[in-house]
Amino acid sequence: MGFWDVVILIAVGAIIALAVINIRKGKTGGCSGNCTACREACKRREE
């Protein structure tokens, strides 16, 4: 395995780790269509 192979593996691993962290925080990147499960809906109700 060469240097660039290791660099690519580290980059892919970092991207996967960031994706998992964002999913666990609830930041999926867009509207899922399920308004009752949306965290933004809770914030709007409080206002």
N, C-alpha and C. Protein backbone atom coordinates (compact mmCIF):
# COMPACT_ATOMS: atom_id res chain seq x y z
N MET A 1 0.85 -1.17 0.00
CA MET A 1 0.00 0.00 0.00
C MET A 1 0.90 1.23 0.00
N GLY A 2 0.64 2.13 -0.92
CA GLY A 2 1.47 3.31 -1.06
C GLY A 2 1.00 4.47 -0.20
N PHE A 3 1.76 5.55 -0.26
CA PHE A 3 1.48 6.74 0.53
C PHE A 3 0.10 7.31 0.20
N TRP A 4 -0.21 7.43 -1.10
CA TRP A 4 -1.48 8.03 -1.50
C TRP A 4 -2.67 7.15 -1.12
N ASP A 5 -2.47 5.84 -1.10
CA ASP A 5 -3.53 4.94 -0.66
C ASP A 5 -3.88 5.20 0.81
N VAL A 6 -2.87 5.39 1.63
CA VAL A 6 -3.09 5.67 3.05
C VAL A 6 -3.78 7.02 3.22
N VAL A 7 -3.36 8.02 2.46
CA VAL A 7 -3.99 9.35 2.54
C VAL A 7 -5.46 9.26 2.16
N ILE A 8 -5.78 8.52 1.11
CA ILE A 8 -7.17 8.37 0.68
C ILE A 8 -7.99 7.64 1.75
N LEU A 9 -7.43 6.59 2.34
CA LEU A 9 -8.14 5.86 3.40
C LEU A 9 -8.41 6.74 4.61
N ILE A 10 -7.45 7.57 4.99
CA ILE A 10 -7.64 8.48 6.12
C ILE A 10 -8.73 9.50 5.79
N ALA A 11 -8.72 10.03 4.57
CA ALA A 11 -9.73 11.02 4.17
C ALA A 11 -11.12 10.40 4.17
N VAL A 12 -11.26 9.20 3.64
CA VAL A 12 -12.56 8.53 3.62
C VAL A 12 -13.03 8.23 5.04
N GLY A 13 -12.12 7.80 5.89
CA GLY A 13 -12.48 7.54 7.29
C GLY A 13 -12.93 8.79 8.00
N ALA A 14 -12.27 9.91 7.74
CA ALA A 14 -12.66 11.18 8.37
C ALA A 14 -14.04 11.62 7.89
N ILE A 15 -14.31 11.46 6.61
CA ILE A 15 -15.63 11.83 6.07
C ILE A 15 -16.73 10.97 6.67
N ILE A 16 -16.48 9.68 6.80
CA ILE A 16 -17.47 8.79 7.41
C ILE A 16 -17.69 9.15 8.87
N ALA A 17 -16.63 9.45 9.60
CA ALA A 17 -16.75 9.83 11.01
C ALA A 17 -17.57 11.11 11.15
N LEU A 18 -17.31 12.10 10.31
CA LEU A 18 -18.08 13.34 10.37
C LEU A 18 -19.54 13.10 10.03
N ALA A 19 -19.83 12.24 9.08
CA ALA A 19 -21.21 11.93 8.72
C ALA A 19 -21.93 11.27 9.89
N VAL A 20 -21.28 10.34 10.56
CA VAL A 20 -21.90 9.67 11.71
C VAL A 20 -22.15 10.66 12.84
N ILE A 21 -21.21 11.54 13.09
CA ILE A 21 -21.38 12.54 14.15
C ILE A 21 -22.57 13.45 13.83
N ASN A 22 -22.67 13.91 12.58
CA ASN A 22 -23.77 14.79 12.20
C ASN A 22 -25.11 14.08 12.27
N ILE A 23 -25.16 12.81 11.91
CA ILE A 23 -26.41 12.06 11.98
C ILE A 23 -26.84 11.89 13.43
N ARG A 24 -25.90 11.60 14.32
CA ARG A 24 -26.23 11.45 15.75
C ARG A 24 -26.71 12.75 16.37
N LYS A 25 -26.22 13.88 15.88
CA LYS A 25 -26.65 15.18 16.38
C LYS A 25 -27.98 15.60 15.78
N GLY A 26 -28.45 14.88 14.78
CA GLY A 26 -29.70 15.21 14.14
C GLY A 26 -29.56 16.16 12.97
N LYS A 27 -28.35 16.41 12.53
CA LYS A 27 -28.12 17.31 11.40
C LYS A 27 -28.00 16.46 10.15
N THR A 28 -29.13 16.13 9.55
CA THR A 28 -29.10 15.27 8.38
C THR A 28 -28.99 16.06 7.09
N GLY A 29 -29.10 17.37 7.15
CA GLY A 29 -28.85 18.16 5.97
C GLY A 29 -30.07 18.60 5.20
N GLY A 30 -31.26 18.27 5.65
CA GLY A 30 -32.42 18.71 4.90
C GLY A 30 -33.71 18.21 5.50
N CYS A 31 -34.77 18.55 4.84
CA CYS A 31 -36.10 18.16 5.28
C CYS A 31 -36.36 16.70 4.93
N SER A 32 -36.82 15.94 5.90
CA SER A 32 -37.12 14.54 5.65
C SER A 32 -38.58 14.34 5.27
N GLY A 33 -39.40 15.39 5.41
CA GLY A 33 -40.81 15.29 5.10
C GLY A 33 -41.65 14.91 6.30
N ASN A 34 -41.04 14.53 7.40
CA ASN A 34 -41.75 14.16 8.61
C ASN A 34 -41.71 15.34 9.57
N CYS A 35 -42.70 16.21 9.46
CA CYS A 35 -42.70 17.47 10.22
C CYS A 35 -42.83 17.24 11.73
N THR A 36 -43.48 16.17 12.15
CA THR A 36 -43.66 15.93 13.58
C THR A 36 -42.36 15.52 14.26
N ALA A 37 -41.43 14.95 13.51
CA ALA A 37 -40.16 14.53 14.08
C ALA A 37 -39.07 15.58 13.90
N CYS A 38 -39.41 16.70 13.31
CA CYS A 38 -38.43 17.73 13.02
C CYS A 38 -38.12 18.54 14.27
N ARG A 39 -36.85 18.74 14.56
CA ARG A 39 -36.46 19.53 15.74
C ARG A 39 -36.81 21.00 15.56
N GLU A 40 -36.83 21.47 14.33
CA GLU A 40 -37.19 22.86 14.06
C GLU A 40 -38.65 23.12 14.41
N ALA A 41 -39.51 22.11 14.25
CA ALA A 41 -40.92 22.27 14.57
C ALA A 41 -41.10 22.53 16.06
N CYS A 42 -40.30 21.88 16.89
CA CYS A 42 -40.38 22.10 18.34
C CYS A 42 -39.99 23.54 18.68
N LYS A 43 -38.97 24.06 18.03
CA LYS A 43 -38.54 25.43 18.28
C LYS A 43 -39.61 26.41 17.87
N ARG A 44 -40.31 26.13 16.75
CA ARG A 44 -41.36 27.04 16.28
C ARG A 44 -42.55 27.03 17.22
N ARG A 45 -42.87 25.87 17.81
CA ARG A 45 -44.02 25.79 18.74
C ARG A 45 -43.78 26.61 20.00
N GLU A 46 -42.52 26.65 20.46
CA GLU A 46 -42.20 27.37 21.69
C GLU A 46 -42.33 28.87 21.51
N GLU A 47 -42.14 29.35 20.27
CA GLU A 47 -42.19 30.80 20.03
C GLU A 47 -43.56 31.28 19.96
